[in-house]
Amino acid sequence: MAFQTKGIKNRLKSIRNTKKITRTMELVSAAKMRRAVEATTKTRPYTAHLWSIINSLKVHADLLENHDLKKFFEIPAEVLPYQRHQKKIRTTMILFSSNRGLCGGFNSHLVKKVASYFRKRRSDETISVIGIGTKGVPLLGARRISTDFAYRKEEGPGAYQSIVPIAKEVYKKFLEGETDKIILAYTAYRSSSKQKPTIKQILPLPYEKATEVEGYSRNHLFEPSEEELMQALIPRVIEMQMFQALLDSNASEHCARMVAMKNAKDAATEMSDSLSLSYNRARQASITQEIAEISAGFAAIS
């Protein structure tokens, strides 16, 4: 009986230590989440406005006839029936996962979304993956999806500078015809309780009719020309879209880790309470047994 109480006591001590660790990690993740969410919400208006400027420009000018800029647009066949179609589209996917674990289903849900995309587009696209964040790469490998390059995902002041060379490289590949499409796979931050795995195409730019673009008007004069503005803005749009995806991914990761640590802490609390009850019962039974043995011994010698 003494051996049983000692085992329960050791296990109880271990669980209480785990509870302290998970509570600390929850508090750290909550602090990081607040900073990440603030950064995400601050950059969203700029990123959205830059995207709307590109949309306004591309429908304002007669860019479909411009040979140099035509490749930047995803143009339906009914709009430009003479465009050349390839048998298989070469797609570059940039996957934003985490560098560390203990964040619940953050990485697995995103990889599941990516695997679903691969299955649906297997016959139409040849997809190469660039991983930003190290945890997504082995999960993709388990699904027999290889990654061409993998980078650590940065946070803090150096996050934007870490994105710029990758954005320039994929944009160069698009200009030189090495890839036909660039898409982002990341977890979009909606709220502290909701994060959504998302796949977003950034090049070629989605086609929209003039009437579908907010603020569309032909009564504007541009200096320099619309074409020059497009050529200057498109690289900036690619960088900002990737940077916004990185910020969303960071905010979602810290939210997921905070929730995972909270659940672990709550589970440790329940287990600790249950083991405390078991320990008290075993200790009470041991004391009762000792009293019974003393009484029996006293009765035997009386």
Protein backbone atom coordinates (compact mmCIF):
# COMPACT_ATOMS: atom_id res chain seq x y z
CA MET A 1 0.00 0.00 0.00
CA ALA A 2 2.88 2.38 0.83
CA PHE A 3 4.39 1.61 -2.58
CA GLN A 4 1.07 2.52 -4.25
CA THR A 5 0.83 5.92 -2.49
CA LYS A 6 4.46 6.68 -3.36
CA GLY A 7 3.81 5.99 -7.06
CA ILE A 8 0.72 8.21 -7.07
CA LYS A 9 2.64 10.96 -5.26
CA ASN A 10 5.49 10.88 -7.82
CA ARG A 11 3.03 11.00 -10.71
CA LEU A 12 1.14 13.85 -9.07
CA LYS A 13 4.35 15.83 -8.70
CA SER A 14 5.20 15.29 -12.37
CA ILE A 15 1.75 16.44 -13.52
CA ARG A 16 1.89 19.56 -11.34
CA ASN A 17 5.26 20.47 -12.88
CA THR A 18 3.78 19.97 -16.34
CA LYS A 19 0.89 22.23 -15.39
CA LYS A 20 3.31 24.99 -14.38
CA ILE A 21 5.17 24.68 -17.70
CA THR A 22 2.02 24.72 -19.86
CA ARG A 23 0.63 27.70 -17.93
CA THR A 24 3.86 29.62 -18.51
CA MET A 25 3.83 28.75 -22.20
CA GLU A 26 0.19 29.86 -22.41
CA LEU A 27 1.07 33.27 -20.94
CA VAL A 28 4.07 33.67 -23.26
CA SER A 29 1.98 32.74 -26.32
CA ALA A 30 -0.76 35.18 -25.25
CA ALA A 31 1.78 38.03 -25.07
CA LYS A 32 3.26 37.12 -28.46
CA MET A 33 -0.22 36.76 -29.93
CA ARG A 34 -1.17 40.31 -28.93
CA ARG A 35 1.88 41.73 -30.67
CA ALA A 36 1.38 39.55 -33.76
CA VAL A 37 -2.32 40.43 -34.06
CA GLU A 38 -1.52 44.12 -33.73
CA ALA A 39 1.06 43.88 -36.54
CA THR A 40 -1.40 41.95 -38.73
CA THR A 41 -4.29 44.38 -38.31
CA LYS A 42 -2.06 47.43 -38.86
CA THR A 43 -0.75 46.27 -42.25
CA ARG A 44 -4.04 44.97 -43.66
CA PRO A 45 -5.43 48.37 -44.81
CA TYR A 46 -2.21 49.16 -46.72
CA THR A 47 -2.07 45.71 -48.34
CA ALA A 48 -5.76 45.86 -49.32
CA HIS A 49 -5.46 49.39 -50.73
CA LEU A 50 -2.40 48.46 -52.78
CA TRP A 51 -4.32 45.49 -54.19
CA SER A 52 -7.27 47.75 -55.09
CA ILE A 53 -4.92 50.20 -56.88
CA ILE A 54 -3.62 47.37 -59.05
CA ASN A 55 -7.19 46.29 -59.83
CA SER A 56 -8.16 49.85 -60.78
CA LEU A 57 -5.12 50.26 -63.01
CA LYS A 58 -5.47 46.99 -64.85
CA VAL A 59 -9.08 47.73 -65.87
CA HIS A 60 -8.47 51.43 -66.41
CA ALA A 61 -5.93 50.90 -69.18
CA ASP A 62 -6.39 48.71 -72.21
CA LEU A 63 -3.77 46.34 -70.83
CA LEU A 64 -5.10 43.20 -72.45
CA GLU A 65 -3.56 44.36 -75.71
CA ASN A 66 -0.21 45.16 -74.11
CA HIS A 67 2.12 42.26 -74.83
CA ASP A 68 4.49 43.04 -71.95
CA LEU A 69 1.80 43.16 -69.26
CA LYS A 70 -0.60 40.56 -70.57
CA LYS A 71 1.22 37.73 -68.75
CA PHE A 72 0.44 39.30 -65.38
CA PHE A 73 -3.31 38.74 -65.76
CA GLU A 74 -5.41 35.62 -65.49
CA ILE A 75 -7.56 36.19 -68.56
CA PRO A 76 -10.52 33.91 -69.35
CA ALA A 77 -10.59 32.30 -72.77
CA GLU A 78 -13.80 34.13 -73.70
CA VAL A 79 -12.05 37.48 -73.14
CA LEU A 80 -8.84 36.62 -74.95
CA PRO A 81 -9.52 33.47 -76.99
CA TYR A 82 -6.22 33.58 -78.86
CA GLN A 83 -4.04 33.26 -75.75
CA ARG A 84 -1.71 30.26 -75.63
CA HIS A 85 -2.65 27.45 -73.25
CA GLN A 86 -0.06 25.07 -71.88
CA LYS A 87 -0.77 21.41 -71.27
CA LYS A 88 0.28 21.75 -67.62
CA ILE A 89 0.60 24.93 -65.61
CA ARG A 90 3.82 25.26 -63.63
CA THR A 91 2.85 26.48 -60.18
CA THR A 92 5.04 27.73 -57.35
CA MET A 93 3.43 27.37 -53.91
CA ILE A 94 4.83 29.24 -50.91
CA LEU A 95 3.82 27.45 -47.71
CA PHE A 96 3.85 29.30 -44.37
CA SER A 97 4.06 26.86 -41.44
CA SER A 98 5.67 27.13 -37.98
CA ASN A 99 9.24 26.63 -36.77
CA ARG A 100 8.17 24.95 -33.53
CA GLY A 101 5.54 22.45 -32.45
CA LEU A 102 3.12 22.45 -29.51
CA CYS A 103 0.58 24.48 -31.50
CA GLY A 104 -2.25 21.98 -31.84
CA GLY A 105 -3.52 21.38 -35.36
CA PHE A 106 -2.00 24.57 -36.82
CA ASN A 107 0.37 22.80 -39.22
CA SER A 108 -1.65 19.64 -39.84
CA HIS A 109 -4.79 21.54 -40.89
CA LEU A 110 -2.81 23.66 -43.35
CA VAL A 111 -1.00 20.65 -44.82
CA LYS A 112 -4.34 18.89 -45.19
CA LYS A 113 -5.61 21.86 -47.22
CA VAL A 114 -2.48 21.79 -49.38
CA ALA A 115 -2.77 18.03 -49.95
CA SER A 116 -6.38 18.52 -51.06
CA TYR A 117 -5.23 21.18 -53.55
CA PHE A 118 -2.59 18.79 -54.90
CA ARG A 119 -5.17 16.05 -55.43
CA LYS A 120 -7.57 18.34 -57.27
CA ARG A 121 -4.93 19.95 -59.52
CA ARG A 122 -2.70 16.93 -60.13
CA SER A 123 -3.79 16.57 -63.77
CA ASP A 124 -3.61 20.30 -64.60
CA GLU A 125 -0.62 21.64 -62.69
CA THR A 126 2.99 20.79 -61.85
CA ILE A 127 3.46 22.23 -58.36
CA SER A 128 6.75 23.06 -56.65
CA VAL A 129 6.73 24.06 -52.97
CA ILE A 130 8.82 26.61 -51.09
CA GLY A 131 8.47 26.20 -47.32
CA ILE A 132 8.70 29.16 -44.93
CA GLY A 133 8.71 27.51 -41.51
CA THR A 134 10.37 24.16 -40.86
CA LYS A 135 7.50 22.11 -39.39
CA GLY A 136 5.45 21.95 -42.59
CA VAL A 137 8.18 20.23 -44.62
CA PRO A 138 8.16 16.80 -42.85
CA LEU A 139 4.34 16.81 -42.78
CA LEU A 140 4.31 17.32 -46.54
CA GLY A 141 6.95 14.62 -46.92
CA ALA A 142 4.70 12.19 -45.04
CA ARG A 143 2.12 12.81 -47.77
CA ARG A 144 4.76 12.27 -50.48
CA ILE A 145 4.91 15.96 -51.40
CA SER A 146 8.48 17.21 -51.78
CA THR A 147 9.70 20.72 -50.98
CA ASP A 148 12.23 22.51 -53.19
CA PHE A 149 13.46 24.97 -50.55
CA ALA A 150 12.79 25.55 -46.86
CA TYR A 151 13.44 28.68 -44.81
CA ARG A 152 12.92 29.54 -41.16
CA LYS A 153 9.93 31.78 -40.55
CA GLU A 154 10.99 35.06 -39.01
CA GLU A 155 9.16 37.22 -36.48
CA GLY A 156 9.73 40.72 -35.18
CA PRO A 157 11.52 43.58 -36.95
CA GLY A 158 13.41 41.35 -39.41
CA ALA A 159 10.30 39.62 -40.76
CA TYR A 160 9.81 41.88 -43.78
CA GLN A 161 13.50 41.77 -44.75
CA SER A 162 13.38 37.97 -44.68
CA ILE A 163 10.50 37.97 -47.16
CA VAL A 164 11.94 40.40 -49.73
CA PRO A 165 14.62 38.11 -51.29
CA ILE A 166 12.16 35.21 -51.56
CA ALA A 167 9.56 37.48 -53.19
CA LYS A 168 12.16 38.79 -55.65
CA GLU A 169 13.25 35.27 -56.53
CA VAL A 170 9.76 33.94 -57.27
CA TYR A 171 8.90 37.12 -59.19
CA LYS A 172 12.05 36.65 -61.28
CA LYS A 173 11.02 33.05 -62.01
CA PHE A 174 7.62 34.32 -63.16
CA LEU A 175 9.15 36.99 -65.42
CA GLU A 176 11.57 34.51 -66.98
CA GLY A 177 8.80 31.99 -67.63
CA GLU A 178 10.08 29.33 -65.21
CA THR A 179 6.72 29.35 -63.44
CA ASP A 180 3.23 30.28 -64.63
CA LYS A 181 1.46 30.79 -61.31
CA ILE A 182 2.39 31.86 -57.78
CA ILE A 183 0.13 30.91 -54.87
CA LEU A 184 0.36 31.33 -51.10
CA ALA A 185 -0.67 28.66 -48.60
CA TYR A 186 -1.04 30.06 -45.09
CA THR A 187 -3.38 30.23 -42.10
CA ALA A 188 -5.41 33.45 -42.23
CA TYR A 189 -6.12 35.11 -38.89
CA ARG A 190 -9.81 35.90 -38.35
CA SER A 191 -10.06 36.10 -34.56
CA SER A 192 -8.48 34.55 -31.48
CA SER A 193 -10.90 31.63 -31.82
CA LYS A 194 -10.91 31.28 -35.61
CA GLN A 195 -8.01 30.78 -38.02
CA LYS A 196 -8.62 29.54 -41.55
CA PRO A 197 -6.17 27.58 -43.77
CA THR A 198 -6.10 29.55 -47.03
CA ILE A 199 -4.69 29.17 -50.53
CA LYS A 200 -4.44 32.47 -52.42
CA GLN A 201 -3.24 33.18 -55.95
CA ILE A 202 -1.14 36.34 -56.33
CA LEU A 203 0.20 35.91 -59.88
CA PRO A 204 -1.20 36.10 -62.46
CA LEU A 205 -3.58 38.75 -61.09
CA PRO A 206 -7.19 37.53 -61.05
CA TYR A 207 -9.25 38.92 -63.93
CA GLU A 208 -12.07 41.31 -63.04
CA LYS A 209 -14.44 43.28 -65.20
CA ALA A 210 -14.35 47.05 -64.93
CA THR A 211 -17.77 47.16 -63.25
CA GLU A 212 -16.60 44.75 -60.53
CA VAL A 213 -13.73 46.94 -59.31
CA GLU A 214 -14.53 49.32 -56.48
CA GLY A 215 -13.89 52.97 -57.36
CA TYR A 216 -13.39 52.19 -61.05
CA SER A 217 -13.38 55.24 -63.31
CA ARG A 218 -11.85 56.18 -66.65
CA ASN A 219 -11.72 59.88 -65.75
CA HIS A 220 -8.17 59.72 -64.40
CA LEU A 221 -4.87 60.89 -65.82
CA PHE A 222 -1.75 58.97 -64.80
CA GLU A 223 1.81 60.20 -64.71
CA PRO A 224 3.72 58.12 -65.67
CA SER A 225 1.55 55.81 -67.78
CA GLU A 226 -0.64 53.01 -66.46
CA GLU A 227 1.80 50.46 -67.89
CA GLU A 228 4.80 51.96 -66.07
CA LEU A 229 2.85 52.14 -62.83
CA MET A 230 1.84 48.49 -63.17
CA GLN A 231 5.42 47.38 -63.79
CA ALA A 232 6.59 49.30 -60.70
CA LEU A 233 3.73 48.28 -58.40
CA ILE A 234 3.42 44.56 -59.16
CA PRO A 235 6.72 43.58 -57.40
CA ARG A 236 5.64 45.65 -54.40
CA VAL A 237 2.24 43.92 -54.37
CA ILE A 238 3.93 40.50 -54.38
CA GLU A 239 6.14 41.47 -51.43
CA MET A 240 3.23 42.88 -49.42
CA GLN A 241 0.96 39.89 -50.11
CA MET A 242 3.70 37.53 -48.90
CA PHE A 243 4.46 39.72 -45.88
CA GLN A 244 0.76 39.86 -44.95
CA ALA A 245 0.56 36.06 -45.23
CA LEU A 246 3.59 35.80 -42.92
CA LEU A 247 1.97 38.12 -40.34
CA ASP A 248 -1.33 36.22 -40.51
CA SER A 249 0.54 32.95 -40.09
CA ASN A 250 2.42 34.26 -37.04
CA ALA A 251 -0.76 35.54 -35.38
CA SER A 252 -2.59 32.28 -36.09
CA GLU A 253 0.33 30.20 -34.80
CA HIS A 254 0.47 32.02 -31.46
CA CYS A 255 -3.31 31.76 -31.09
CA ALA A 256 -3.18 28.02 -31.79
CA ARG A 257 -0.29 27.53 -29.33
CA MET A 258 -2.05 29.55 -26.63
CA VAL A 259 -5.20 27.44 -27.00
CA ALA A 260 -3.18 24.19 -27.07
CA MET A 261 -1.32 25.12 -23.89
CA LYS A 262 -4.55 26.17 -22.19
CA ASN A 263 -6.11 22.82 -23.06
CA ALA A 264 -3.01 21.02 -21.78
CA LYS A 265 -3.10 23.05 -18.56
CA ASP A 266 -6.80 22.28 -18.05
CA ALA A 267 -6.18 18.58 -18.69
CA ALA A 268 -3.30 18.61 -16.17
CA THR A 269 -5.56 20.29 -13.61
CA GLU A 270 -8.25 17.61 -14.04
CA MET A 271 -5.68 14.81 -13.84
CA SER A 272 -4.07 16.41 -10.77
CA ASP A 273 -7.44 16.64 -9.00
CA SER A 274 -8.22 13.02 -9.86
CA LEU A 275 -4.81 11.81 -8.66
CA SER A 276 -5.11 13.86 -5.44
CA LEU A 277 -8.37 12.09 -4.70
CA SER A 278 -6.81 8.70 -5.45
CA TYR A 279 -3.80 9.53 -3.25
CA ASN A 280 -6.01 10.56 -0.32
CA ARG A 281 -8.07 7.40 -0.68
CA ALA A 282 -4.97 5.18 -0.81
CA ARG A 283 -3.45 6.98 2.18
CA GLN A 284 -6.68 6.61 4.14
CA ALA A 285 -6.84 2.92 3.28
CA SER A 286 -3.21 2.49 4.38
CA ILE A 287 -3.90 4.17 7.74
CA THR A 288 -7.04 2.06 8.26
CA GLN A 289 -5.08 -1.10 7.47
CA GLU A 290 -2.33 -0.17 9.95
CA ILE A 291 -4.91 0.49 12.69
CA ALA A 292 -6.57 -2.86 11.96
CA GLU A 293 -3.21 -4.65 12.15
CA ILE A 294 -2.34 -2.97 15.50
CA SER A 295 -5.76 -3.86 16.92
CA ALA A 296 -5.41 -7.47 15.77
CA GLY A 297 -1.94 -7.73 17.30
CA PHE A 298 -3.14 -6.25 20.61
CA ALA A 299 -6.05 -8.66 20.67
CA ALA A 300 -3.72 -11.59 20.02
CA ILE A 301 -1.48 -10.88 23.05
CA SER A 302 -4.29 -9.99 25.43
